[in-house]
Amino acid sequence: MAHGAPPERRGAHLFVCQHGLWGSVEDTAFLAAYLRHNGWLVLNAQANSARRTYDGVDACGDRLADEVATHLR
């Protein structure tokens, strides 16, 4: 069995990987792959890539929340 949470807790959590300023999904791809390999649910967020990180916390937060909600549907 993979490392991480006990089997009864798997699937109960979603890890959302969000890069920093001027980042991209490639910046968090290794972390996302590692978490997936260990049985976790992962969203490697794409909504705020590159120049979109300069739109401010409110706009970036709204885009990230929309992406998470879409992923959960």
PDB file of N, CA and C in Angstrom:
ATOM      1  N   MET A   1       0.843  -1.181   0.000  1.00  0.00           N
ATOM      2  CA  MET A   1       0.000   0.000   0.000  1.00  0.00           C
ATOM      3  C   MET A   1       0.887   1.243   0.000  1.00  0.00           C
ATOM      4  N   ALA A   2       0.438   2.282  -0.646  1.00  0.00           N
ATOM      5  CA  ALA A   2       1.200   3.523  -0.720  1.00  0.00           C
ATOM      6  C   ALA A   2       1.234   4.218   0.639  1.00  0.00           C
ATOM      7  N   HIS A   3       2.210   5.073   0.808  1.00  0.00           N
ATOM      8  CA  HIS A   3       2.326   5.847   2.034  1.00  0.00           C
ATOM      9  C   HIS A   3       1.227   6.900   2.088  1.00  0.00           C
ATOM     10  N   GLY A   4       1.026   7.490   3.259  1.00  0.00           N
ATOM     11  CA  GLY A   4       0.056   8.574   3.375  1.00  0.00           C
ATOM     12  C   GLY A   4      -1.017   8.256   4.377  1.00  0.00           C
ATOM     13  N   ALA A   5      -2.211   8.691   4.099  1.00  0.00           N
ATOM     14  CA  ALA A   5      -3.334   8.542   5.016  1.00  0.00           C
ATOM     15  C   ALA A   5      -3.775   7.089   5.107  1.00  0.00           C
ATOM     16  N   PRO A   6      -4.381   6.729   6.233  1.00  0.00           N
ATOM     17  CA  PRO A   6      -4.943   5.381   6.356  1.00  0.00           C
ATOM     18  C   PRO A   6      -6.008   5.158   5.283  1.00  0.00           C
ATOM     19  N   PRO A   7      -6.250   3.911   4.886  1.00  0.00           N
ATOM     20  CA  PRO A   7      -7.211   3.628   3.809  1.00  0.00           C
ATOM     21  C   PRO A   7      -8.590   4.221   4.044  1.00  0.00           C
ATOM     22  N   GLU A   8      -9.053   4.268   5.280  1.00  0.00           N
ATOM     23  CA  GLU A   8     -10.397   4.798   5.545  1.00  0.00           C
ATOM     24  C   GLU A   8     -10.487   6.306   5.319  1.00  0.00           C
ATOM     25  N   ARG A   9      -9.366   7.000   5.237  1.00  0.00           N
ATOM     26  CA  ARG A   9      -9.374   8.453   5.027  1.00  0.00           C
ATOM     27  C   ARG A   9      -9.105   8.824   3.581  1.00  0.00           C
ATOM     28  N   ARG A  10      -8.656   7.896   2.780  1.00  0.00           N
ATOM     29  CA  ARG A  10      -8.346   8.206   1.383  1.00  0.00           C
ATOM     30  C   ARG A  10      -9.614   8.604   0.639  1.00  0.00           C
ATOM     31  N   GLY A  11      -9.499   9.605  -0.201  1.00  0.00           N
ATOM     32  CA  GLY A  11     -10.649  10.077  -0.956  1.00  0.00           C
ATOM     33  C   GLY A  11     -11.452  11.137  -0.232  1.00  0.00           C
ATOM     34  N   ALA A  12     -11.133  11.364   1.023  1.00  0.00           N
ATOM     35  CA  ALA A  12     -11.870  12.353   1.804  1.00  0.00           C
ATOM     36  C   ALA A  12     -11.261  13.744   1.669  1.00  0.00           C
ATOM     37  N   HIS A  13     -10.094  13.838   1.060  1.00  0.00           N
ATOM     38  CA  HIS A  13      -9.397  15.108   0.946  1.00  0.00           C
ATOM     39  C   HIS A  13      -9.017  15.358  -0.510  1.00  0.00           C
ATOM     40  N   LEU A  14      -8.953  16.624  -0.862  1.00  0.00           N
ATOM     41  CA  LEU A  14      -8.487  17.036  -2.179  1.00  0.00           C
ATOM     42  C   LEU A  14      -7.324  17.995  -1.974  1.00  0.00           C
ATOM     43  N   PHE A  15      -6.168  17.645  -2.497  1.00  0.00           N
ATOM     44  CA  PHE A  15      -5.027  18.550  -2.459  1.00  0.00           C
ATOM     45  C   PHE A  15      -5.116  19.458  -3.677  1.00  0.00           C
ATOM     46  N   VAL A  16      -5.099  20.762  -3.445  1.00  0.00           N
ATOM     47  CA  VAL A  16      -5.114  21.740  -4.529  1.00  0.00           C
ATOM     48  C   VAL A  16      -3.723  22.366  -4.584  1.00  0.00           C
ATOM     49  N   CYS A  17      -3.012  22.117  -5.675  1.00  0.00           N
ATOM     50  CA  CYS A  17      -1.676  22.683  -5.859  1.00  0.00           C
ATOM     51  C   CYS A  17      -1.814  23.969  -6.668  1.00  0.00           C
ATOM     52  N   GLN A  18      -1.324  25.073  -6.086  1.00  0.00           N
ATOM     53  CA  GLN A  18      -1.379  26.373  -6.754  1.00  0.00           C
ATOM     54  C   GLN A  18       0.014  26.987  -6.707  1.00  0.00           C
ATOM     55  N   HIS A  19       0.560  27.288  -7.877  1.00  0.00           N
ATOM     56  CA  HIS A  19       1.893  27.876  -7.984  1.00  0.00           C
ATOM     57  C   HIS A  19       1.876  29.321  -7.516  1.00  0.00           C
ATOM     58  N   GLY A  20       3.046  29.917  -7.496  1.00  0.00           N
ATOM     59  CA  GLY A  20       3.179  31.312  -7.088  1.00  0.00           C
ATOM     60  C   GLY A  20       3.203  32.267  -8.262  1.00  0.00           C
ATOM     61  N   LEU A  21       3.660  33.467  -8.003  1.00  0.00           N
ATOM     62  CA  LEU A  21       3.698  34.547  -8.972  1.00  0.00           C
ATOM     63  C   LEU A  21       4.450  34.130 -10.237  1.00  0.00           C
ATOM     64  N   TRP A  22       3.886  34.404 -11.397  1.00  0.00           N
ATOM     65  CA  TRP A  22       4.432  34.072 -12.709  1.00  0.00           C
ATOM     66  C   TRP A  22       4.631  32.575 -12.894  1.00  0.00           C
ATOM     67  N   GLY A  23       3.916  31.769 -12.119  1.00  0.00           N
ATOM     68  CA  GLY A  23       4.105  30.329 -12.168  1.00  0.00           C
ATOM     69  C   GLY A  23       3.249  29.644 -13.212  1.00  0.00           C
ATOM     70  N   SER A  24       3.416  28.328 -13.240  1.00  0.00           N
ATOM     71  CA  SER A  24       2.627  27.504 -14.145  1.00  0.00           C
ATOM     72  C   SER A  24       2.415  26.145 -13.498  1.00  0.00           C
ATOM     73  N   VAL A  25       1.600  25.313 -14.124  1.00  0.00           N
ATOM     74  CA  VAL A  25       1.334  23.984 -13.581  1.00  0.00           C
ATOM     75  C   VAL A  25       2.603  23.137 -13.521  1.00  0.00           C
ATOM     76  N   GLU A  26       3.587  23.439 -14.357  1.00  0.00           N
ATOM     77  CA  GLU A  26       4.842  22.695 -14.322  1.00  0.00           C
ATOM     78  C   GLU A  26       5.573  22.887 -12.994  1.00  0.00           C
ATOM     79  N   ASP A  27       5.356  24.032 -12.341  1.00  0.00           N
ATOM     80  CA  ASP A  27       6.020  24.306 -11.067  1.00  0.00           C
ATOM     81  C   ASP A  27       5.555  23.367  -9.955  1.00  0.00           C
ATOM     82  N   THR A  28       4.343  22.882 -10.046  1.00  0.00           N
ATOM     83  CA  THR A  28       3.795  22.016  -9.004  1.00  0.00           C
ATOM     84  C   THR A  28       3.510  20.612  -9.525  1.00  0.00           C
ATOM     85  N   ALA A  29       3.936  20.316 -10.737  1.00  0.00           N
ATOM     86  CA  ALA A  29       3.651  19.018 -11.353  1.00  0.00           C
ATOM     87  C   ALA A  29       4.271  17.854 -10.582  1.00  0.00           C
ATOM     88  N   PHE A  30       5.499  18.009 -10.102  1.00  0.00           N
ATOM     89  CA  PHE A  30       6.144  16.925  -9.373  1.00  0.00           C
ATOM     90  C   PHE A  30       5.392  16.618  -8.084  1.00  0.00           C
ATOM     91  N   LEU A  31       5.019  17.657  -7.348  1.00  0.00           N
ATOM     92  CA  LEU A  31       4.251  17.471  -6.115  1.00  0.00           C
ATOM     93  C   LEU A  31       2.921  16.793  -6.415  1.00  0.00           C
ATOM     94  N   ALA A  32       2.224  17.257  -7.438  1.00  0.00           N
ATOM     95  CA  ALA A  32       0.927  16.671  -7.803  1.00  0.00           C
ATOM     96  C   ALA A  32       1.085  15.199  -8.174  1.00  0.00           C
ATOM     97  N   ALA A  33       2.117  14.878  -8.944  1.00  0.00           N
ATOM     98  CA  ALA A  33       2.352  13.486  -9.350  1.00  0.00           C
ATOM     99  C   ALA A  33       2.675  12.617  -8.132  1.00  0.00           C
ATOM    100  N   TYR A  34       3.470  13.132  -7.224  1.00  0.00           N
ATOM    101  CA  TYR A  34       3.819  12.390  -6.006  1.00  0.00           C
ATOM    102  C   TYR A  34       2.572  12.086  -5.182  1.00  0.00           C
ATOM    103  N   LEU A  35       1.734  13.089  -4.996  1.00  0.00           N
ATOM    104  CA  LEU A  35       0.507  12.904  -4.211  1.00  0.00           C
ATOM    105  C   LEU A  35      -0.423  11.902  -4.888  1.00  0.00           C
ATOM    106  N   ARG A  36      -0.588  12.017  -6.207  1.00  0.00           N
ATOM    107  CA  ARG A  36      -1.428  11.056  -6.945  1.00  0.00           C
ATOM    108  C   ARG A  36      -0.884   9.637  -6.818  1.00  0.00           C
ATOM    109  N   HIS A  37       0.421   9.504  -6.937  1.00  0.00           N
ATOM    110  CA  HIS A  37       1.064   8.190  -6.830  1.00  0.00           C
ATOM    111  C   HIS A  37       0.776   7.546  -5.475  1.00  0.00           C
ATOM    112  N   ASN A  38       0.611   8.356  -4.457  1.00  0.00           N
ATOM    113  CA  ASN A  38       0.342   7.864  -3.111  1.00  0.00           C
ATOM    114  C   ASN A  38      -1.147   7.790  -2.794  1.00  0.00           C
ATOM    115  N   GLY A  39      -1.981   7.892  -3.819  1.00  0.00           N
ATOM    116  CA  GLY A  39      -3.403   7.638  -3.655  1.00  0.00           C
ATOM    117  C   GLY A  39      -4.279   8.820  -3.291  1.00  0.00           C
ATOM    118  N   TRP A  40      -3.737  10.020  -3.324  1.00  0.00           N
ATOM    119  CA  TRP A  40      -4.532  11.192  -2.965  1.00  0.00           C
ATOM    120  C   TRP A  40      -5.226  11.778  -4.197  1.00  0.00           C
ATOM    121  N   LEU A  41      -6.320  12.467  -3.958  1.00  0.00           N
ATOM    122  CA  LEU A  41      -6.990  13.225  -5.016  1.00  0.00           C
ATOM    123  C   LEU A  41      -6.277  14.563  -5.141  1.00  0.00           C
ATOM    124  N   VAL A  42      -5.950  14.961  -6.363  1.00  0.00           N
ATOM    125  CA  VAL A  42      -5.139  16.163  -6.577  1.00  0.00           C
ATOM    126  C   VAL A  42      -5.703  16.988  -7.721  1.00  0.00           C
ATOM    127  N   LEU A  43      -5.716  18.292  -7.526  1.00  0.00           N
ATOM    128  CA  LEU A  43      -6.004  19.242  -8.601  1.00  0.00           C
ATOM    129  C   LEU A  43      -4.772  20.126  -8.730  1.00  0.00           C
ATOM    130  N   ASN A  44      -4.103  20.057  -9.865  1.00  0.00           N
ATOM    131  CA  ASN A  44      -2.978  20.938 -10.148  1.00  0.00           C
ATOM    132  C   ASN A  44      -3.550  22.137 -10.908  1.00  0.00           C
ATOM    133  N   ALA A  45      -3.889  23.174 -10.170  1.00  0.00           N
ATOM    134  CA  ALA A  45      -4.661  24.303 -10.695  1.00  0.00           C
ATOM    135  C   ALA A  45      -3.956  25.018 -11.847  1.00  0.00           C
ATOM    136  N   GLN A  46      -4.753  25.366 -12.850  1.00  0.00           N
ATOM    137  CA  GLN A  46      -4.245  26.048 -14.046  1.00  0.00           C
ATOM    138  C   GLN A  46      -4.826  27.446 -14.229  1.00  0.00           C
ATOM    139  N   ALA A  47      -5.800  27.795 -13.413  1.00  0.00           N
ATOM    140  CA  ALA A  47      -6.578  29.018 -13.636  1.00  0.00           C
ATOM    141  C   ALA A  47      -5.754  30.302 -13.559  1.00  0.00           C
ATOM    142  N   ASN A  48      -4.670  30.299 -12.836  1.00  0.00           N
ATOM    143  CA  ASN A  48      -3.916  31.544 -12.617  1.00  0.00           C
ATOM    144  C   ASN A  48      -2.496  31.495 -13.169  1.00  0.00           C
ATOM    145  N   SER A  49      -2.321  30.861 -14.299  1.00  0.00           N
ATOM    146  CA  SER A  49      -0.975  30.707 -14.850  1.00  0.00           C
ATOM    147  C   SER A  49      -0.405  32.008 -15.400  1.00  0.00           C
ATOM    148  N   ALA A  50       0.913  32.134 -15.289  1.00  0.00           N
ATOM    149  CA  ALA A  50       1.718  33.210 -15.871  1.00  0.00           C
ATOM    150  C   ALA A  50       1.242  34.606 -15.480  1.00  0.00           C
ATOM    151  N   ARG A  51       0.904  35.431 -16.449  1.00  0.00           N
ATOM    152  CA  ARG A  51       0.574  36.840 -16.191  1.00  0.00           C
ATOM    153  C   ARG A  51      -0.710  37.019 -15.400  1.00  0.00           C
ATOM    154  N   ARG A  52      -1.550  36.002 -15.369  1.00  0.00           N
ATOM    155  CA  ARG A  52      -2.821  36.124 -14.644  1.00  0.00           C
ATOM    156  C   ARG A  52      -2.601  36.229 -13.136  1.00  0.00           C
ATOM    157  N   THR A  53      -1.389  35.900 -12.655  1.00  0.00           N
ATOM    158  CA  THR A  53      -1.112  36.008 -11.226  1.00  0.00           C
ATOM    159  C   THR A  53      -1.063  37.462 -10.767  1.00  0.00           C
ATOM    160  N   TYR A  54      -0.910  38.384 -11.686  1.00  0.00           N
ATOM    161  CA  TYR A  54      -0.857  39.810 -11.335  1.00  0.00           C
ATOM    162  C   TYR A  54      -2.233  40.465 -11.271  1.00  0.00           C
ATOM    163  N   ASP A  55      -3.294  39.700 -11.424  1.00  0.00           N
ATOM    164  CA  ASP A  55      -4.647  40.260 -11.402  1.00  0.00           C
ATOM    165  C   ASP A  55      -5.139  40.578  -9.993  1.00  0.00           C
ATOM    166  N   GLY A  56      -4.394  40.205  -8.985  1.00  0.00           N
ATOM    167  CA  GLY A  56      -4.768  40.484  -7.600  1.00  0.00           C
ATOM    168  C   GLY A  56      -5.352  39.257  -6.916  1.00  0.00           C
ATOM    169  N   VAL A  57      -5.308  39.304  -5.604  1.00  0.00           N
ATOM    170  CA  VAL A  57      -5.748  38.176  -4.790  1.00  0.00           C
ATOM    171  C   VAL A  57      -7.221  37.855  -5.011  1.00  0.00           C
ATOM    172  N   ASP A  58      -8.071  38.866  -5.098  1.00  0.00           N
ATOM    173  CA  ASP A  58      -9.505  38.616  -5.276  1.00  0.00           C
ATOM    174  C   ASP A  58      -9.793  37.888  -6.587  1.00  0.00           C
ATOM    175  N   ALA A  59      -9.237  38.386  -7.682  1.00  0.00           N
ATOM    176  CA  ALA A  59      -9.478  37.760  -8.986  1.00  0.00           C
ATOM    177  C   ALA A  59      -8.883  36.354  -9.035  1.00  0.00           C
ATOM    178  N   CYS A  60      -7.664  36.197  -8.537  1.00  0.00           N
ATOM    179  CA  CYS A  60      -7.020  34.877  -8.548  1.00  0.00           C
ATOM    180  C   CYS A  60      -7.774  33.896  -7.653  1.00  0.00           C
ATOM    181  N   GLY A  61      -8.224  34.373  -6.499  1.00  0.00           N
ATOM    182  CA  GLY A  61      -8.998  33.515  -5.601  1.00  0.00           C
ATOM    183  C   GLY A  61     -10.308  33.068  -6.220  1.00  0.00           C
ATOM    184  N   ASP A  62     -10.985  33.991  -6.892  1.00  0.00           N
ATOM    185  CA  ASP A  62     -12.247  33.644  -7.557  1.00  0.00           C
ATOM    186  C   ASP A  62     -12.021  32.604  -8.652  1.00  0.00           C
ATOM    187  N   ARG A  63     -10.971  32.791  -9.461  1.00  0.00           N
ATOM    188  CA  ARG A  63     -10.679  31.827 -10.525  1.00  0.00           C
ATOM    189  C   ARG A  63     -10.330  30.460  -9.947  1.00  0.00           C
ATOM    190  N   LEU A  64      -9.544  30.453  -8.871  1.00  0.00           N
ATOM    191  CA  LEU A  64      -9.175  29.187  -8.252  1.00  0.00           C
ATOM    192  C   LEU A  64     -10.403  28.494  -7.668  1.00  0.00           C
ATOM    193  N   ALA A  65     -11.266  29.238  -7.000  1.00  0.00           N
ATOM    194  CA  ALA A  65     -12.496  28.661  -6.443  1.00  0.00           C
ATOM    195  C   ALA A  65     -13.376  28.076  -7.546  1.00  0.00           C
ATOM    196  N   ASP A  66     -13.483  28.770  -8.674  1.00  0.00           N
ATOM    197  CA  ASP A  66     -14.263  28.253  -9.807  1.00  0.00           C
ATOM    198  C   ASP A  66     -13.663  26.960 -10.351  1.00  0.00           C
ATOM    199  N   GLU A  67     -12.337  26.911 -10.441  1.00  0.00           N
ATOM    200  CA  GLU A  67     -11.684  25.709 -10.952  1.00  0.00           C
ATOM    201  C   GLU A  67     -11.897  24.531 -10.001  1.00  0.00           C
ATOM    202  N   VAL A  68     -11.801  24.778  -8.699  1.00  0.00           N
ATOM    203  CA  VAL A  68     -12.043  23.710  -7.722  1.00  0.00           C
ATOM    204  C   VAL A  68     -13.481  23.214  -7.813  1.00  0.00           C
ATOM    205  N   ALA A  69     -14.445  24.149  -7.876  1.00  0.00           N
ATOM    206  CA  ALA A  69     -15.846  23.765  -7.963  1.00  0.00           C
ATOM    207  C   ALA A  69     -16.116  22.934  -9.225  1.00  0.00           C
ATOM    208  N   THR A  70     -15.523  23.342 -10.342  1.00  0.00           N
ATOM    209  CA  THR A  70     -15.685  22.588 -11.587  1.00  0.00           C
ATOM    210  C   THR A  70     -15.084  21.190 -11.461  1.00  0.00           C
ATOM    211  N   HIS A  71     -13.936  21.107 -10.835  1.00  0.00           N
ATOM    212  CA  HIS A  71     -13.265  19.818 -10.645  1.00  0.00           C
ATOM    213  C   HIS A  71     -14.100  18.868  -9.791  1.00  0.00           C
ATOM    214  N   LEU A  72     -14.813  19.401  -8.831  1.00  0.00           N
ATOM    215  CA  LEU A  72     -15.606  18.571  -7.910  1.00  0.00           C
ATOM    216  C   LEU A  72     -16.929  18.123  -8.502  1.00  0.00           C
ATOM    217  N   ARG A  73     -17.366  18.718  -9.590  1.00  0.00           N
ATOM    218  CA  ARG A  73     -18.654  18.332 -10.201  1.00  0.00           C
ATOM    219  C   ARG A  73     -18.575  17.011 -10.887  1.00  0.00           C
TER     220      ARG A  73
END
